[in-house]
Amino acid sequence: MIKMRVVKKIQPDGDYQKAVSFVINAPLKEWRIRLWCVTHFKDECGSGDESDWERLLDYLTH
């Protein structure tokens, strides 16, 4: 499942670089869903510190 692959890229060390690479290197058909999973995982599963996810989103969008 893409969502679990996203989480494995980010946890346990909060490696945002890997998460960004995971999104950027996605095949076109998966790009949008990978980005969605990265930015919405906390809401979906109640996992991860909110500030971590905000930092990741900030990192991805700037």
PDB file of N, CA and C in Angstrom:
ATOM      1  N   MET A   1       0.842  -1.184   0.000  1.00  0.00           N
ATOM      2  CA  MET A   1       0.000   0.000   0.000  1.00  0.00           C
ATOM      3  C   MET A   1       0.885   1.245   0.000  1.00  0.00           C
ATOM      4  N   ILE A   2       0.549   2.194  -0.812  1.00  0.00           N
ATOM      5  CA  ILE A   2       1.390   3.383  -0.958  1.00  0.00           C
ATOM      6  C   ILE A   2       1.556   4.110   0.371  1.00  0.00           C
ATOM      7  N   LYS A   3       0.482   4.208   1.132  1.00  0.00           N
ATOM      8  CA  LYS A   3       0.544   4.942   2.400  1.00  0.00           C
ATOM      9  C   LYS A   3       1.615   4.367   3.317  1.00  0.00           C
ATOM     10  N   MET A   4       1.698   3.045   3.415  1.00  0.00           N
ATOM     11  CA  MET A   4       2.701   2.429   4.279  1.00  0.00           C
ATOM     12  C   MET A   4       4.108   2.654   3.733  1.00  0.00           C
ATOM     13  N   ARG A   5       4.247   2.695   2.425  1.00  0.00           N
ATOM     14  CA  ARG A   5       5.561   2.983   1.839  1.00  0.00           C
ATOM     15  C   ARG A   5       5.981   4.409   2.171  1.00  0.00           C
ATOM     16  N   VAL A   6       5.021   5.327   2.190  1.00  0.00           N
ATOM     17  CA  VAL A   6       5.321   6.712   2.570  1.00  0.00           C
ATOM     18  C   VAL A   6       5.831   6.751   4.004  1.00  0.00           C
ATOM     19  N   VAL A   7       5.120   6.081   4.891  1.00  0.00           N
ATOM     20  CA  VAL A   7       5.492   6.089   6.302  1.00  0.00           C
ATOM     21  C   VAL A   7       6.873   5.492   6.510  1.00  0.00           C
ATOM     22  N   LYS A   8       7.168   4.405   5.830  1.00  0.00           N
ATOM     23  CA  LYS A   8       8.481   3.776   5.967  1.00  0.00           C
ATOM     24  C   LYS A   8       9.592   4.709   5.506  1.00  0.00           C
ATOM     25  N   LYS A   9       9.295   5.570   4.551  1.00  0.00           N
ATOM     26  CA  LYS A   9      10.303   6.516   4.081  1.00  0.00           C
ATOM     27  C   LYS A   9      10.563   7.599   5.119  1.00  0.00           C
ATOM     28  N   ILE A  10       9.546   7.970   5.880  1.00  0.00           N
ATOM     29  CA  ILE A  10       9.658   9.113   6.785  1.00  0.00           C
ATOM     30  C   ILE A  10      10.082   8.687   8.188  1.00  0.00           C
ATOM     31  N   GLN A  11       9.576   7.562   8.670  1.00  0.00           N
ATOM     32  CA  GLN A  11       9.872   7.136  10.028  1.00  0.00           C
ATOM     33  C   GLN A  11      11.004   6.121  10.016  1.00  0.00           C
ATOM     34  N   PRO A  12      11.738   5.882  11.068  1.00  0.00           N
ATOM     35  CA  PRO A  12      11.573   6.525  12.361  1.00  0.00           C
ATOM     36  C   PRO A  12      12.371   7.814  12.491  1.00  0.00           C
ATOM     37  N   ASP A  13      13.214   8.136  11.527  1.00  0.00           N
ATOM     38  CA  ASP A  13      14.134   9.268  11.710  1.00  0.00           C
ATOM     39  C   ASP A  13      13.635  10.571  11.099  1.00  0.00           C
ATOM     40  N   GLY A  14      12.407  10.609  10.623  1.00  0.00           N
ATOM     41  CA  GLY A  14      11.867  11.851  10.075  1.00  0.00           C
ATOM     42  C   GLY A  14      12.678  12.361   8.895  1.00  0.00           C
ATOM     43  N   ASP A  15      13.075  11.455   8.016  1.00  0.00           N
ATOM     44  CA  ASP A  15      13.919  11.844   6.890  1.00  0.00           C
ATOM     45  C   ASP A  15      13.078  12.458   5.777  1.00  0.00           C
ATOM     46  N   TYR A  16      12.938  13.768   5.823  1.00  0.00           N
ATOM     47  CA  TYR A  16      12.101  14.475   4.858  1.00  0.00           C
ATOM     48  C   TYR A  16      12.676  14.389   3.451  1.00  0.00           C
ATOM     49  N   GLN A  17      13.999  14.311   3.357  1.00  0.00           N
ATOM     50  CA  GLN A  17      14.630  14.199   2.046  1.00  0.00           C
ATOM     51  C   GLN A  17      14.141  12.935   1.334  1.00  0.00           C
ATOM     52  N   LYS A  18      14.070  11.837   2.074  1.00  0.00           N
ATOM     53  CA  LYS A  18      13.583  10.584   1.495  1.00  0.00           C
ATOM     54  C   LYS A  18      12.121  10.701   1.098  1.00  0.00           C
ATOM     55  N   ALA A  19      11.340  11.372   1.927  1.00  0.00           N
ATOM     56  CA  ALA A  19       9.919  11.537   1.617  1.00  0.00           C
ATOM     57  C   ALA A  19       9.748  12.359   0.351  1.00  0.00           C
ATOM     58  N   VAL A  20      10.545  13.409   0.225  1.00  0.00           N
ATOM     59  CA  VAL A  20      10.480  14.250  -0.972  1.00  0.00           C
ATOM     60  C   VAL A  20      10.881  13.441  -2.197  1.00  0.00           C
ATOM     61  N   SER A  21      11.960  12.667  -2.083  1.00  0.00           N
ATOM     62  CA  SER A  21      12.397  11.829  -3.202  1.00  0.00           C
ATOM     63  C   SER A  21      11.320  10.827  -3.579  1.00  0.00           C
ATOM     64  N   PHE A  22      10.664  10.279  -2.568  1.00  0.00           N
ATOM     65  CA  PHE A  22       9.613   9.292  -2.797  1.00  0.00           C
ATOM     66  C   PHE A  22       8.489   9.892  -3.636  1.00  0.00           C
ATOM     67  N   VAL A  23       8.129  11.138  -3.335  1.00  0.00           N
ATOM     68  CA  VAL A  23       7.068  11.811  -4.095  1.00  0.00           C
ATOM     69  C   VAL A  23       7.566  12.196  -5.484  1.00  0.00           C
ATOM     70  N   ILE A  24       8.736  12.824  -5.539  1.00  0.00           N
ATOM     71  CA  ILE A  24       9.256  13.331  -6.810  1.00  0.00           C
ATOM     72  C   ILE A  24       9.553  12.206  -7.796  1.00  0.00           C
ATOM     73  N   ASN A  25      10.033  11.074  -7.290  1.00  0.00           N
ATOM     74  CA  ASN A  25      10.416   9.969  -8.171  1.00  0.00           C
ATOM     75  C   ASN A  25       9.267   9.026  -8.506  1.00  0.00           C
ATOM     76  N   ALA A  26       8.073   9.375  -8.099  1.00  0.00           N
ATOM     77  CA  ALA A  26       6.910   8.518  -8.370  1.00  0.00           C
ATOM     78  C   ALA A  26       6.595   8.503  -9.857  1.00  0.00           C
ATOM     79  N   PRO A  27       6.100   7.359 -10.343  1.00  0.00           N
ATOM     80  CA  PRO A  27       5.571   7.358 -11.711  1.00  0.00           C
ATOM     81  C   PRO A  27       4.400   8.339 -11.770  1.00  0.00           C
ATOM     82  N   LEU A  28       4.164   8.911 -12.918  1.00  0.00           N
ATOM     83  CA  LEU A  28       3.142   9.944 -13.048  1.00  0.00           C
ATOM     84  C   LEU A  28       1.794   9.520 -12.471  1.00  0.00           C
ATOM     85  N   LYS A  29       1.403   8.284 -12.724  1.00  0.00           N
ATOM     86  CA  LYS A  29       0.086   7.839 -12.238  1.00  0.00           C
ATOM     87  C   LYS A  29       0.029   7.734 -10.710  1.00  0.00           C
ATOM     88  N   GLU A  30       1.187   7.641 -10.051  1.00  0.00           N
ATOM     89  CA  GLU A  30       1.214   7.513  -8.586  1.00  0.00           C
ATOM     90  C   GLU A  30       1.564   8.813  -7.889  1.00  0.00           C
ATOM     91  N   TRP A  31       2.019   9.798  -8.632  1.00  0.00           N
ATOM     92  CA  TRP A  31       2.560  11.017  -8.024  1.00  0.00           C
ATOM     93  C   TRP A  31       1.551  11.691  -7.110  1.00  0.00           C
ATOM     94  N   ARG A  32       0.347  11.881  -7.620  1.00  0.00           N
ATOM     95  CA  ARG A  32      -0.679  12.583  -6.861  1.00  0.00           C
ATOM     96  C   ARG A  32      -1.062  11.826  -5.582  1.00  0.00           C
ATOM     97  N   ILE A  33      -1.218  10.525  -5.682  1.00  0.00           N
ATOM     98  CA  ILE A  33      -1.614   9.745  -4.505  1.00  0.00           C
ATOM     99  C   ILE A  33      -0.483   9.686  -3.487  1.00  0.00           C
ATOM    100  N   ARG A  34       0.746   9.633  -3.945  1.00  0.00           N
ATOM    101  CA  ARG A  34       1.869   9.647  -2.991  1.00  0.00           C
ATOM    102  C   ARG A  34       1.902  10.971  -2.245  1.00  0.00           C
ATOM    103  N   LEU A  35       1.746  12.059  -2.971  1.00  0.00           N
ATOM    104  CA  LEU A  35       1.752  13.368  -2.316  1.00  0.00           C
ATOM    105  C   LEU A  35       0.602  13.454  -1.321  1.00  0.00           C
ATOM    106  N   TRP A  36      -0.568  12.975  -1.716  1.00  0.00           N
ATOM    107  CA  TRP A  36      -1.728  12.993  -0.824  1.00  0.00           C
ATOM    108  C   TRP A  36      -1.441  12.186   0.442  1.00  0.00           C
ATOM    109  N   CYS A  37      -0.858  11.011   0.269  1.00  0.00           N
ATOM    110  CA  CYS A  37      -0.557  10.157   1.428  1.00  0.00           C
ATOM    111  C   CYS A  37       0.426  10.828   2.375  1.00  0.00           C
ATOM    112  N   VAL A  38       1.443  11.452   1.814  1.00  0.00           N
ATOM    113  CA  VAL A  38       2.442  12.117   2.650  1.00  0.00           C
ATOM    114  C   VAL A  38       1.795  13.242   3.449  1.00  0.00           C
ATOM    115  N   THR A  39       0.914  13.997   2.809  1.00  0.00           N
ATOM    116  CA  THR A  39       0.349  15.165   3.479  1.00  0.00           C
ATOM    117  C   THR A  39      -0.866  14.846   4.336  1.00  0.00           C
ATOM    118  N   HIS A  40      -1.488  13.682   4.146  1.00  0.00           N
ATOM    119  CA  HIS A  40      -2.704  13.360   4.893  1.00  0.00           C
ATOM    120  C   HIS A  40      -2.565  12.171   5.832  1.00  0.00           C
ATOM    121  N   PHE A  41      -1.378  11.593   5.921  1.00  0.00           N
ATOM    122  CA  PHE A  41      -1.261  10.362   6.700  1.00  0.00           C
ATOM    123  C   PHE A  41      -1.681  10.556   8.150  1.00  0.00           C
ATOM    124  N   LYS A  42      -1.279  11.665   8.759  1.00  0.00           N
ATOM    125  CA  LYS A  42      -1.606  11.882  10.164  1.00  0.00           C
ATOM    126  C   LYS A  42      -3.112  11.908  10.368  1.00  0.00           C
ATOM    127  N   ASP A  43      -3.816  12.603   9.491  1.00  0.00           N
ATOM    128  CA  ASP A  43      -5.267  12.700   9.611  1.00  0.00           C
ATOM    129  C   ASP A  43      -5.918  11.327   9.480  1.00  0.00           C
ATOM    130  N   GLU A  44      -5.397  10.527   8.570  1.00  0.00           N
ATOM    131  CA  GLU A  44      -5.999   9.221   8.298  1.00  0.00           C
ATOM    132  C   GLU A  44      -5.765   8.235   9.435  1.00  0.00           C
ATOM    133  N   CYS A  45      -4.574   8.233   9.992  1.00  0.00           N
ATOM    134  CA  CYS A  45      -4.208   7.177  10.937  1.00  0.00           C
ATOM    135  C   CYS A  45      -3.942   7.694  12.343  1.00  0.00           C
ATOM    136  N   GLY A  46      -4.039   9.006  12.546  1.00  0.00           N
ATOM    137  CA  GLY A  46      -3.787   9.567  13.867  1.00  0.00           C
ATOM    138  C   GLY A  46      -2.382   9.268  14.353  1.00  0.00           C
ATOM    139  N   SER A  47      -1.444   9.241  13.413  1.00  0.00           N
ATOM    140  CA  SER A  47      -0.081   8.862  13.759  1.00  0.00           C
ATOM    141  C   SER A  47       0.862  10.003  13.405  1.00  0.00           C
ATOM    142  N   GLY A  48       1.901  10.135  14.187  1.00  0.00           N
ATOM    143  CA  GLY A  48       2.884  11.173  13.891  1.00  0.00           C
ATOM    144  C   GLY A  48       2.531  12.475  14.581  1.00  0.00           C
ATOM    145  N   ASP A  49       3.540  13.192  14.982  1.00  0.00           N
ATOM    146  CA  ASP A  49       3.348  14.479  15.631  1.00  0.00           C
ATOM    147  C   ASP A  49       2.940  15.507  14.581  1.00  0.00           C
ATOM    148  N   GLU A  50       1.961  16.304  14.897  1.00  0.00           N
ATOM    149  CA  GLU A  50       1.439  17.249  13.899  1.00  0.00           C
ATOM    150  C   GLU A  50       2.517  18.183  13.364  1.00  0.00           C
ATOM    151  N   SER A  51       3.405  18.644  14.243  1.00  0.00           N
ATOM    152  CA  SER A  51       4.447  19.563  13.783  1.00  0.00           C
ATOM    153  C   SER A  51       5.384  18.877  12.793  1.00  0.00           C
ATOM    154  N   ASP A  52       5.607  17.565  12.955  1.00  0.00           N
ATOM    155  CA  ASP A  52       6.434  16.828  11.992  1.00  0.00           C
ATOM    156  C   ASP A  52       5.805  16.869  10.612  1.00  0.00           C
ATOM    157  N   TRP A  53       4.492  16.637  10.570  1.00  0.00           N
ATOM    158  CA  TRP A  53       3.802  16.609   9.286  1.00  0.00           C
ATOM    159  C   TRP A  53       3.726  17.999   8.677  1.00  0.00           C
ATOM    160  N   GLU A  54       3.583  19.027   9.531  1.00  0.00           N
ATOM    161  CA  GLU A  54       3.572  20.398   9.010  1.00  0.00           C
ATOM    162  C   GLU A  54       4.933  20.747   8.416  1.00  0.00           C
ATOM    163  N   ARG A  55       5.990  20.324   9.106  1.00  0.00           N
ATOM    164  CA  ARG A  55       7.342  20.576   8.583  1.00  0.00           C
ATOM    165  C   ARG A  55       7.547  19.862   7.252  1.00  0.00           C
ATOM    166  N   LEU A  56       7.062  18.627   7.177  1.00  0.00           N
ATOM    167  CA  LEU A  56       7.196  17.875   5.929  1.00  0.00           C
ATOM    168  C   LEU A  56       6.440  18.566   4.801  1.00  0.00           C
ATOM    169  N   LEU A  57       5.215  18.982   5.075  1.00  0.00           N
ATOM    170  CA  LEU A  57       4.423  19.657   4.052  1.00  0.00           C
ATOM    171  C   LEU A  57       5.121  20.940   3.612  1.00  0.00           C
ATOM    172  N   ASP A  58       5.659  21.672   4.573  1.00  0.00           N
ATOM    173  CA  ASP A  58       6.383  22.902   4.273  1.00  0.00           C
ATOM    174  C   ASP A  58       7.596  22.590   3.397  1.00  0.00           C
ATOM    175  N   TYR A  59       8.313  21.525   3.753  1.00  0.00           N
ATOM    176  CA  TYR A  59       9.495  21.101   3.006  1.00  0.00           C
ATOM    177  C   TYR A  59       9.128  20.711   1.578  1.00  0.00           C
ATOM    178  N   LEU A  60       7.993  20.036   1.437  1.00  0.00           N
ATOM    179  CA  LEU A  60       7.564  19.587   0.115  1.00  0.00           C
ATOM    180  C   LEU A  60       7.094  20.729  -0.771  1.00  0.00           C
ATOM    181  N   THR A  61       6.538  21.765  -0.171  1.00  0.00           N
ATOM    182  CA  THR A  61       5.899  22.811  -0.971  1.00  0.00           C
ATOM    183  C   THR A  61       6.748  24.059  -1.137  1.00  0.00           C
ATOM    184  N   HIS A  62       7.929  24.111  -0.547  1.00  0.00           N
ATOM    185  CA  HIS A  62       8.778  25.304  -0.702  1.00  0.00           C
ATOM    186  C   HIS A  62      10.128  24.967  -1.295  1.00  0.00           C
TER     187      HIS A  62
END
